[in-house]
């Protein structure tokens, strides 16, 4: 992920912590993802999954984007 977004590993970690339920400073995060250690990688790789709230926001965003995409431009 860091490489795809041009982030350092530390920056990627901080940003994904903020998206979890609790950040690295033990303060409330956004609760949009969970982080799980991938067992086959012996702790060197994390699996990021959307929480139910994250799924709902993703679906809402996709619906909005599809609405803009399908809009004919009438009334603009």
Protein backbone atom coordinates (compact mmCIF):
# COMPACT_ATOMS: atom_id res chain seq x y z
CA UNK A 1 0.00 0.00 0.00
CA UNK A 2 2.73 2.47 0.94
CA UNK A 3 4.51 1.93 -2.35
CA UNK A 4 1.29 2.38 -4.36
CA UNK A 5 0.52 5.66 -2.56
CA UNK A 6 4.09 6.93 -2.34
CA UNK A 7 4.12 6.86 1.48
CA UNK A 8 6.80 5.82 3.92
CA UNK A 9 6.09 2.72 6.02
CA UNK A 10 5.76 4.92 9.12
CA UNK A 11 3.28 7.23 7.38
CA UNK A 12 1.24 4.29 6.11
CA UNK A 13 1.11 2.84 9.60
CA UNK A 14 0.02 6.12 11.17
CA UNK A 15 -2.66 6.68 8.55
CA UNK A 16 -4.09 3.17 8.83
CA UNK A 17 -4.00 3.46 12.65
CA UNK A 18 -6.19 6.55 12.32
CA UNK A 19 -8.69 4.52 10.27
CA UNK A 20 -8.89 1.82 12.99
CA UNK A 21 -11.05 2.06 16.11
CA UNK A 22 -8.06 3.25 18.16
CA UNK A 23 -4.93 5.01 16.96
CA UNK A 24 -1.37 4.43 18.13
CA UNK A 25 -1.81 7.01 20.90
CA UNK A 26 -4.83 5.05 22.21
CA UNK A 27 -7.21 7.80 21.09
CA UNK A 28 -10.45 7.07 19.24
CA UNK A 29 -10.01 6.51 15.53
CA UNK A 30 -12.56 6.41 12.73
CA UNK A 31 -13.36 2.67 13.07
CA UNK A 32 -13.36 2.17 9.29
CA UNK A 33 -10.85 -0.71 9.09
CA UNK A 34 -9.32 -3.49 11.15
CA UNK A 35 -5.69 -4.66 10.97
CA UNK A 36 -4.88 -8.35 11.27
CA UNK A 37 -1.46 -9.97 11.18
CA UNK A 38 -1.12 -12.37 8.25
CA UNK A 39 0.02 -15.61 9.91
CA UNK A 40 1.96 -16.89 6.91
CA UNK A 41 4.15 -13.77 6.93
CA UNK A 42 5.15 -14.10 10.62
CA UNK A 43 3.92 -10.63 11.54
CA UNK A 44 5.58 -8.86 8.63
CA UNK A 45 2.38 -8.22 6.70
CA UNK A 46 -1.02 -6.94 7.79
CA UNK A 47 -4.42 -7.63 6.32
CA UNK A 48 -6.66 -4.56 6.27
CA UNK A 49 -10.41 -5.17 6.29
CA UNK A 50 -13.33 -2.79 6.25
CA UNK A 51 -15.52 -2.70 9.35
CA UNK A 52 -19.32 -2.64 8.90
CA UNK A 53 -19.13 1.17 9.14
CA UNK A 54 -16.36 1.18 6.51
CA UNK A 55 -18.48 -0.99 4.20
CA UNK A 56 -21.46 1.32 4.64
CA UNK A 57 -19.40 4.41 3.82
CA UNK A 58 -17.81 2.66 0.83
CA UNK A 59 -21.25 1.69 -0.47
CA UNK A 60 -22.59 5.21 0.06
CA UNK A 61 -19.62 6.71 -1.81
CA UNK A 62 -19.99 4.26 -4.70
CA UNK A 63 -23.71 5.02 -4.93
CA UNK A 64 -22.96 8.75 -5.03
CA UNK A 65 -20.27 8.28 -7.67
CA UNK A 66 -22.57 6.12 -9.77
CA UNK A 67 -25.25 8.79 -9.46
CA UNK A 68 -22.86 11.44 -10.75
CA UNK A 69 -21.72 9.12 -13.53
CA UNK A 70 -25.29 8.36 -14.61
CA UNK A 71 -26.49 11.97 -14.30
CA UNK A 72 -27.39 13.48 -17.68
CA UNK A 73 -26.44 17.03 -16.71
CA UNK A 74 -30.01 18.37 -16.86
CA UNK A 75 -30.49 21.34 -14.57
CA UNK A 76 -26.83 22.07 -14.06
